[in-house]
Amino acid sequence: MLEIACMVDGGKRSPANDDRAAVNKQLVLQGFYSETVKGPSILVVCDGVGGEAYGYEAAEISANIFSNLSGAQLNADTIKENIEKANEAVIAAQKKDFKHSKMSTTIAGLYINENDFIAFNVGDSRVYRYRTPYIMQLSTDHSLPEQKNVITRYLGGCYSKPDIVEGIGKFFDKDVFALCSDGVWGSLDSDDFEDILSQDTGLEEKCKALVSLALKKGSTDNLSIIIARRI
């Protein structure tokens, strides 16, 4: 069984919110959601890029495409196919009018099936694995080293190639996975994640603690996080 918790918070930009998350079939626009599930799970966090107009629509389009895969047997190839499907769907939506023409989004995702996982991302939303006592970033940031706010890959253009990490047989019993937008990780360091994820608390408390600490440490963006562990 897999325990999953998700939190989406507008932060200091509220009510403006370009973040969207999906936990299997459930799209999360705002607030807290949790579930316990048996079988394959697909989790994604999407962040409308750079405050561009209608970024939230690009994020929602992409999150919905992956939520429709709930319960499916996935592999690296099918994930790549659905990344391209999401990219094409955002590009199609850009053609509504000029205001939509620049909308785009990041995506960070995790597929879990028994002892296997596949982590993937396009952009700077991240996937972490906490394995006592250390946190490890599984995703790769697609941004300029000197200008972290400049995204070099995203859904909604020609630069949409995902990075994929396959962990076949590498989901261990005490592993904790965390997916988050830069509104969360941008204000936190590894020690912050390790401290909160190691605590003997529920996943809702961990989500709230990470969001609260990110806001306390100066986050001015929208904040989304999903945490998953086996029970």
C-alpha atoms as a PDB file:
ATOM      1  CA  MET A   1       0.000   0.000   0.000  1.00  0.00           C
ATOM      2  CA  LEU A   2       1.129   3.517  -0.782  1.00  0.00           C
ATOM      3  CA  GLU A   3       0.328   6.534   1.383  1.00  0.00           C
ATOM      4  CA  ILE A   4       0.258   9.830  -0.510  1.00  0.00           C
ATOM      5  CA  ALA A   5      -0.278  13.427   0.614  1.00  0.00           C
ATOM      6  CA  CYS A   6      -0.417  16.571  -1.505  1.00  0.00           C
ATOM      7  CA  MET A   7      -0.573  20.294  -0.711  1.00  0.00           C
ATOM      8  CA  VAL A   8      -0.974  23.231  -3.099  1.00  0.00           C
ATOM      9  CA  ASP A   9      -0.731  26.724  -1.617  1.00  0.00           C
ATOM     10  CA  GLY A  10      -0.935  30.079  -3.380  1.00  0.00           C
ATOM     11  CA  GLY A  11       1.566  31.486  -0.898  1.00  0.00           C
ATOM     12  CA  LYS A  12       2.135  35.235  -0.909  1.00  0.00           C
ATOM     13  CA  ARG A  13       0.852  35.379  -4.496  1.00  0.00           C
ATOM     14  CA  SER A  14      -2.537  33.990  -3.465  1.00  0.00           C
ATOM     15  CA  PRO A  15      -5.155  33.989  -4.979  1.00  0.00           C
ATOM     16  CA  ALA A  16      -3.012  33.921  -8.146  1.00  0.00           C
ATOM     17  CA  ASN A  17      -1.872  30.309  -8.474  1.00  0.00           C
ATOM     18  CA  ASP A  18      -0.086  28.778 -11.454  1.00  0.00           C
ATOM     19  CA  ASP A  19       0.655  25.444  -9.713  1.00  0.00           C
ATOM     20  CA  ARG A  20      -1.307  22.262 -10.280  1.00  0.00           C
ATOM     21  CA  ALA A  21      -0.759  18.760  -8.902  1.00  0.00           C
ATOM     22  CA  ALA A  22      -2.258  15.359  -9.637  1.00  0.00           C
ATOM     23  CA  VAL A  23      -2.397  12.353  -7.337  1.00  0.00           C
ATOM     24  CA  ASN A  24      -3.583   9.514  -9.545  1.00  0.00           C
ATOM     25  CA  LYS A  25      -7.067  10.581 -10.711  1.00  0.00           C
ATOM     26  CA  GLN A  26      -7.313  13.555  -8.343  1.00  0.00           C
ATOM     27  CA  LEU A  27      -6.376  16.993  -9.665  1.00  0.00           C
ATOM     28  CA  VAL A  28      -5.345  19.330  -6.829  1.00  0.00           C
ATOM     29  CA  LEU A  29      -5.721  23.067  -7.480  1.00  0.00           C
ATOM     30  CA  GLN A  30      -5.546  24.335  -3.909  1.00  0.00           C
ATOM     31  CA  GLY A  31      -5.392  22.950  -0.386  1.00  0.00           C
ATOM     32  CA  PHE A  32      -4.641  19.476   0.942  1.00  0.00           C
ATOM     33  CA  TYR A  33      -5.426  16.021  -0.426  1.00  0.00           C
ATOM     34  CA  SER A  34      -4.423  12.529   0.662  1.00  0.00           C
ATOM     35  CA  GLU A  35      -5.144   8.938  -0.237  1.00  0.00           C
ATOM     36  CA  THR A  36      -3.959   5.400   0.384  1.00  0.00           C
ATOM     37  CA  VAL A  37      -3.771   3.255  -2.715  1.00  0.00           C
ATOM     38  CA  LYS A  38      -2.844  -0.272  -3.759  1.00  0.00           C
ATOM     39  CA  GLY A  39      -1.424  -0.727  -7.228  1.00  0.00           C
ATOM     40  CA  PRO A  40       0.416   1.543  -9.659  1.00  0.00           C
ATOM     41  CA  SER A  41       0.415   5.274  -8.888  1.00  0.00           C
ATOM     42  CA  ILE A  42       1.265   8.331 -10.952  1.00  0.00           C
ATOM     43  CA  LEU A  43       2.044  11.643  -9.234  1.00  0.00           C
ATOM     44  CA  VAL A  44       2.851  14.973 -10.884  1.00  0.00           C
ATOM     45  CA  VAL A  45       3.522  18.597  -9.931  1.00  0.00           C
ATOM     46  CA  CYS A  46       3.218  21.272 -12.632  1.00  0.00           C
ATOM     47  CA  ASP A  47       4.212  24.931 -12.323  1.00  0.00           C
ATOM     48  CA  GLY A  48       3.058  27.457 -14.906  1.00  0.00           C
ATOM     49  CA  VAL A  49       6.305  29.072 -16.015  1.00  0.00           C
ATOM     50  CA  GLY A  50       7.579  32.485 -15.077  1.00  0.00           C
ATOM     51  CA  GLY A  51       4.301  34.211 -14.394  1.00  0.00           C
ATOM     52  CA  GLU A  52       3.455  34.096 -18.096  1.00  0.00           C
ATOM     53  CA  ALA A  53      -0.187  34.647 -18.973  1.00  0.00           C
ATOM     54  CA  TYR A  54      -2.330  31.542 -18.524  1.00  0.00           C
ATOM     55  CA  GLY A  55       0.499  29.448 -17.076  1.00  0.00           C
ATOM     56  CA  TYR A  56      -2.089  27.824 -14.832  1.00  0.00           C
ATOM     57  CA  GLU A  57      -3.914  26.508 -17.900  1.00  0.00           C
ATOM     58  CA  ALA A  58      -0.739  24.908 -19.239  1.00  0.00           C
ATOM     59  CA  ALA A  59      -0.117  23.341 -15.828  1.00  0.00           C
ATOM     60  CA  GLU A  60      -3.682  22.039 -15.595  1.00  0.00           C
ATOM     61  CA  ILE A  61      -3.663  20.587 -19.124  1.00  0.00           C
ATOM     62  CA  SER A  62      -0.466  18.680 -18.358  1.00  0.00           C
ATOM     63  CA  ALA A  63      -1.539  17.476 -14.917  1.00  0.00           C
ATOM     64  CA  ASN A  64      -4.828  16.213 -16.347  1.00  0.00           C
ATOM     65  CA  ILE A  65      -3.100  14.174 -19.047  1.00  0.00           C
ATOM     66  CA  PHE A  66      -1.081  12.304 -16.427  1.00  0.00           C
ATOM     67  CA  SER A  67      -4.022  11.919 -14.044  1.00  0.00           C
ATOM     68  CA  ASN A  68      -5.798  10.039 -16.839  1.00  0.00           C
ATOM     69  CA  LEU A  69      -3.021   7.421 -16.658  1.00  0.00           C
ATOM     70  CA  SER A  70      -3.996   6.406 -13.126  1.00  0.00           C
ATOM     71  CA  GLY A  71      -3.762   2.642 -12.647  1.00  0.00           C
ATOM     72  CA  ALA A  72      -1.972   2.057 -15.939  1.00  0.00           C
ATOM     73  CA  GLN A  73       1.212   0.038 -16.376  1.00  0.00           C
ATOM     74  CA  LEU A  74       3.813   2.593 -17.458  1.00  0.00           C
ATOM     75  CA  ASN A  75       7.433   2.528 -18.527  1.00  0.00           C
ATOM     76  CA  ALA A  76       9.993   5.093 -19.652  1.00  0.00           C
ATOM     77  CA  ASP A  77       8.727   5.010 -23.242  1.00  0.00           C
ATOM     78  CA  THR A  78       5.067   5.563 -22.361  1.00  0.00           C
ATOM     79  CA  ILE A  79       6.051   8.394 -20.024  1.00  0.00           C
ATOM     80  CA  LYS A  80       7.991  10.050 -22.864  1.00  0.00           C
ATOM     81  CA  GLU A  81       4.960   9.603 -25.134  1.00  0.00           C
ATOM     82  CA  ASN A  82       2.690  11.331 -22.622  1.00  0.00           C
ATOM     83  CA  ILE A  83       5.198  14.142 -22.052  1.00  0.00           C
ATOM     84  CA  GLU A  84       5.028  14.763 -25.792  1.00  0.00           C
ATOM     85  CA  LYS A  85       1.229  14.508 -25.692  1.00  0.00           C
ATOM     86  CA  ALA A  86       1.120  17.130 -22.930  1.00  0.00           C
ATOM     87  CA  ASN A  87       3.541  19.343 -24.843  1.00  0.00           C
ATOM     88  CA  GLU A  88       1.418  19.144 -27.979  1.00  0.00           C
ATOM     89  CA  ALA A  89      -1.753  19.858 -25.984  1.00  0.00           C
ATOM     90  CA  VAL A  90      -0.216  23.013 -24.492  1.00  0.00           C
ATOM     91  CA  ILE A  91       0.997  24.160 -27.913  1.00  0.00           C
ATOM     92  CA  ALA A  92      -2.504  23.612 -29.319  1.00  0.00           C
ATOM     93  CA  ALA A  93      -3.994  25.676 -26.489  1.00  0.00           C
ATOM     94  CA  GLN A  94      -1.517  28.488 -27.169  1.00  0.00           C
ATOM     95  CA  LYS A  95      -3.283  29.056 -30.487  1.00  0.00           C
ATOM     96  CA  LYS A  96      -6.509  30.254 -28.842  1.00  0.00           C
ATOM     97  CA  ASP A  97      -5.366  33.875 -28.969  1.00  0.00           C
ATOM     98  CA  PHE A  98      -2.299  36.056 -28.433  1.00  0.00           C
ATOM     99  CA  LYS A  99      -2.713  36.089 -24.646  1.00  0.00           C
ATOM    100  CA  HIS A 100      -2.357  32.303 -24.554  1.00  0.00           C
ATOM    101  CA  SER A 101       0.594  32.172 -26.939  1.00  0.00           C
ATOM    102  CA  LYS A 102       3.319  32.229 -24.274  1.00  0.00           C
ATOM    103  CA  MET A 103       1.797  29.872 -21.731  1.00  0.00           C
ATOM    104  CA  SER A 104       3.983  26.955 -20.673  1.00  0.00           C
ATOM    105  CA  THR A 105       4.685  24.784 -17.648  1.00  0.00           C
ATOM    106  CA  THR A 106       7.219  22.641 -15.866  1.00  0.00           C
ATOM    107  CA  ILE A 107       6.418  19.099 -14.796  1.00  0.00           C
ATOM    108  CA  ALA A 108       7.927  16.760 -12.215  1.00  0.00           C
ATOM    109  CA  GLY A 109       6.508  13.273 -11.905  1.00  0.00           C
ATOM    110  CA  LEU A 110       6.852   9.935 -10.206  1.00  0.00           C
ATOM    111  CA  TYR A 111       5.459   6.570 -11.234  1.00  0.00           C
ATOM    112  CA  ILE A 112       5.467   3.836  -8.573  1.00  0.00           C
ATOM    113  CA  ASN A 113       4.630   0.181  -9.095  1.00  0.00           C
ATOM    114  CA  GLU A 114       5.506  -2.162  -6.214  1.00  0.00           C
ATOM    115  CA  ASN A 115       9.320  -2.004  -5.821  1.00  0.00           C
ATOM    116  CA  ASP A 116       9.893  -0.016  -9.013  1.00  0.00           C
ATOM    117  CA  PHE A 117       9.792   3.715  -9.605  1.00  0.00           C
ATOM    118  CA  ILE A 118      10.341   6.086 -12.511  1.00  0.00           C
ATOM    119  CA  ALA A 119      11.088   9.751 -11.817  1.00  0.00           C
ATOM    120  CA  PHE A 120      10.860  12.318 -14.613  1.00  0.00           C
ATOM    121  CA  ASN A 121      10.884  16.043 -15.142  1.00  0.00           C
ATOM    122  CA  VAL A 122      10.908  18.890 -17.621  1.00  0.00           C
ATOM    123  CA  GLY A 123      11.909  22.255 -16.137  1.00  0.00           C
ATOM    124  CA  ASP A 124      12.887  23.023 -12.560  1.00  0.00           C
ATOM    125  CA  SER A 125      10.187  21.298 -10.518  1.00  0.00           C
ATOM    126  CA  ARG A 126      11.933  18.553  -8.579  1.00  0.00           C
ATOM    127  CA  VAL A 127      11.692  14.925  -7.450  1.00  0.00           C
ATOM    128  CA  TYR A 128      13.538  13.905  -4.274  1.00  0.00           C
ATOM    129  CA  ARG A 129      14.070  10.620  -2.486  1.00  0.00           C
ATOM    130  CA  TYR A 130      14.715  10.610   1.253  1.00  0.00           C
ATOM    131  CA  ARG A 131      16.525   7.496   2.413  1.00  0.00           C
ATOM    132  CA  THR A 132      17.644   7.780   6.023  1.00  0.00           C
ATOM    133  CA  PRO A 133      19.561   9.943   6.746  1.00  0.00           C
ATOM    134  CA  TYR A 134      20.010  11.736   3.404  1.00  0.00           C
ATOM    135  CA  ILE A 135      17.916  13.476   0.782  1.00  0.00           C
ATOM    136  CA  MET A 136      18.791  12.934  -2.899  1.00  0.00           C
ATOM    137  CA  GLN A 137      17.544  14.942  -5.862  1.00  0.00           C
ATOM    138  CA  LEU A 138      16.494  12.506  -8.594  1.00  0.00           C
ATOM    139  CA  SER A 139      15.439  15.137 -11.124  1.00  0.00           C
ATOM    140  CA  THR A 140      17.666  17.477 -13.123  1.00  0.00           C
ATOM    141  CA  ASP A 141      17.008  21.230 -13.104  1.00  0.00           C
ATOM    142  CA  HIS A 142      16.538  22.608 -16.609  1.00  0.00           C
ATOM    143  CA  SER A 143      17.545  26.192 -15.904  1.00  0.00           C
ATOM    144  CA  LEU A 144      20.531  28.455 -16.411  1.00  0.00           C
ATOM    145  CA  PRO A 145      23.201  28.017 -13.692  1.00  0.00           C
ATOM    146  CA  GLU A 146      23.653  31.777 -13.376  1.00  0.00           C
ATOM    147  CA  GLN A 147      19.938  32.601 -13.620  1.00  0.00           C
ATOM    148  CA  LYS A 148      17.854  29.914 -11.925  1.00  0.00           C
ATOM    149  CA  ASN A 149      14.644  31.689 -12.928  1.00  0.00           C
ATOM    150  CA  VAL A 150      15.380  31.146 -16.638  1.00  0.00           C
ATOM    151  CA  ILE A 151      13.897  27.781 -17.617  1.00  0.00           C
ATOM    152  CA  THR A 152      15.587  26.009 -20.539  1.00  0.00           C
ATOM    153  CA  ARG A 153      13.060  23.163 -20.985  1.00  0.00           C
ATOM    154  CA  TYR A 154       9.302  23.290 -20.541  1.00  0.00           C
ATOM    155  CA  LEU A 155       6.017  21.995 -21.889  1.00  0.00           C
ATOM    156  CA  GLY A 156       4.731  24.366 -24.516  1.00  0.00           C
ATOM    157  CA  GLY A 157       7.597  24.538 -27.003  1.00  0.00           C
ATOM    158  CA  CYS A 158      10.352  22.687 -28.821  1.00  0.00           C
ATOM    159  CA  TYR A 159      12.510  22.219 -25.699  1.00  0.00           C
ATOM    160  CA  SER A 160      10.422  19.581 -23.927  1.00  0.00           C
ATOM    161  CA  LYS A 161      12.730  16.563 -23.641  1.00  0.00           C
ATOM    162  CA  PRO A 162      12.313  14.954 -20.186  1.00  0.00           C
ATOM    163  CA  ASP A 163      15.017  13.606 -17.923  1.00  0.00           C
ATOM    164  CA  ILE A 164      14.052  10.146 -16.680  1.00  0.00           C
ATOM    165  CA  VAL A 165      15.476   8.097 -13.828  1.00  0.00           C
ATOM    166  CA  GLU A 166      14.430   4.446 -13.624  1.00  0.00           C
ATOM    167  CA  GLY A 167      14.656   2.729 -10.254  1.00  0.00           C
ATOM    168  CA  ILE A 168      13.799  -0.872 -11.063  1.00  0.00           C
ATOM    169  CA  GLY A 169      13.666  -2.772  -7.775  1.00  0.00           C
ATOM    170  CA  LYS A 170      14.973   0.300  -5.940  1.00  0.00           C
ATOM    171  CA  PHE A 171      11.929   1.464  -3.966  1.00  0.00           C
ATOM    172  CA  PHE A 172      12.804   0.331  -0.453  1.00  0.00           C
ATOM    173  CA  ASP A 173      10.388   0.110   2.482  1.00  0.00           C
ATOM    174  CA  LYS A 174      11.575   3.220   4.348  1.00  0.00           C
ATOM    175  CA  ASP A 175      12.045   5.434   1.297  1.00  0.00           C
ATOM    176  CA  VAL A 176      10.079   8.682   1.181  1.00  0.00           C
ATOM    177  CA  PHE A 177       9.575  10.508  -2.117  1.00  0.00           C
ATOM    178  CA  ALA A 178       8.849  14.216  -2.406  1.00  0.00           C
ATOM    179  CA  LEU A 179       7.863  16.161  -5.532  1.00  0.00           C
ATOM    180  CA  CYS A 180       7.715  19.945  -5.377  1.00  0.00           C
ATOM    181  CA  SER A 181       7.693  23.178  -7.342  1.00  0.00           C
ATOM    182  CA  ASP A 182      10.445  25.768  -6.927  1.00  0.00           C
ATOM    183  CA  GLY A 183       8.210  27.695  -4.564  1.00  0.00           C
ATOM    184  CA  VAL A 184       9.090  25.007  -2.011  1.00  0.00           C
ATOM    185  CA  TRP A 185      12.647  23.915  -2.794  1.00  0.00           C
ATOM    186  CA  GLY A 186      13.887  27.370  -3.765  1.00  0.00           C
ATOM    187  CA  SER A 187      13.865  28.552  -0.160  1.00  0.00           C
ATOM    188  CA  LEU A 188      14.960  25.310   1.499  1.00  0.00           C
ATOM    189  CA  ASP A 189      18.208  23.367   1.715  1.00  0.00           C
ATOM    190  CA  SER A 190      18.950  19.666   2.112  1.00  0.00           C
ATOM    191  CA  ASP A 191      19.039  19.928   5.908  1.00  0.00           C
ATOM    192  CA  ASP A 192      15.502  21.352   5.936  1.00  0.00           C
ATOM    193  CA  PHE A 193      14.151  18.434   3.908  1.00  0.00           C
ATOM    194  CA  GLU A 194      16.082  15.854   5.924  1.00  0.00           C
ATOM    195  CA  ASP A 195      14.926  17.298   9.233  1.00  0.00           C
ATOM    196  CA  ILE A 196      11.219  17.375   8.335  1.00  0.00           C
ATOM    197  CA  LEU A 197      11.058  14.113   6.366  1.00  0.00           C
ATOM    198  CA  SER A 198      12.852  12.229   9.164  1.00  0.00           C
ATOM    199  CA  GLN A 199      10.372  13.291  11.843  1.00  0.00           C
ATOM    200  CA  ASP A 200       7.843  10.826  13.244  1.00  0.00           C
ATOM    201  CA  THR A 201       4.855  12.706  11.834  1.00  0.00           C
ATOM    202  CA  GLY A 202       2.130  12.048   9.290  1.00  0.00           C
ATOM    203  CA  LEU A 203       2.453  13.062   5.657  1.00  0.00           C
ATOM    204  CA  GLU A 204      -0.012  15.942   6.056  1.00  0.00           C
ATOM    205  CA  GLU A 205       2.142  17.377   8.818  1.00  0.00           C
ATOM    206  CA  LYS A 206       5.263  16.974   6.667  1.00  0.00           C
ATOM    207  CA  CYS A 207       3.625  18.785   3.740  1.00  0.00           C
ATOM    208  CA  LYS A 208       2.462  21.637   5.940  1.00  0.00           C
ATOM    209  CA  ALA A 209       5.829  21.881   7.703  1.00  0.00           C
ATOM    210  CA  LEU A 210       7.762  22.153   4.416  1.00  0.00           C
ATOM    211  CA  VAL A 211       5.376  24.748   2.973  1.00  0.00           C
ATOM    212  CA  SER A 212       5.366  26.732   6.210  1.00  0.00           C
ATOM    213  CA  LEU A 213       9.162  26.719   6.443  1.00  0.00           C
ATOM    214  CA  ALA A 214       9.545  27.757   2.792  1.00  0.00           C
ATOM    215  CA  LEU A 215       7.229  30.727   3.415  1.00  0.00           C
ATOM    216  CA  LYS A 216       9.086  31.601   6.627  1.00  0.00           C
ATOM    217  CA  LYS A 217      12.391  31.545   4.738  1.00  0.00           C
ATOM    218  CA  GLY A 218      11.123  33.950   2.099  1.00  0.00           C
ATOM    219  CA  SER A 219       9.304  32.058  -0.678  1.00  0.00           C
ATOM    220  CA  THR A 220       7.187  34.450  -2.733  1.00  0.00           C
ATOM    221  CA  ASP A 221       5.976  31.877  -5.262  1.00  0.00           C
ATOM    222  CA  ASN A 222       3.148  29.339  -5.353  1.00  0.00           C
ATOM    223  CA  LEU A 223       4.007  26.179  -3.429  1.00  0.00           C
ATOM    224  CA  SER A 224       3.133  22.587  -4.336  1.00  0.00           C
ATOM    225  CA  ILE A 225       4.359  19.367  -2.776  1.00  0.00           C
ATOM    226  CA  ILE A 226       3.493  15.668  -2.940  1.00  0.00           C
ATOM    227  CA  ILE A 227       4.955  13.159  -0.465  1.00  0.00           C
ATOM    228  CA  ALA A 228       4.647   9.384  -0.839  1.00  0.00           C
ATOM    229  CA  ARG A 229       5.761   6.372   1.196  1.00  0.00           C
ATOM    230  CA  ARG A 230       4.920   2.719   1.535  1.00  0.00           C
ATOM    231  CA  ILE A 231       2.885   1.589   4.541  1.00  0.00           C
END
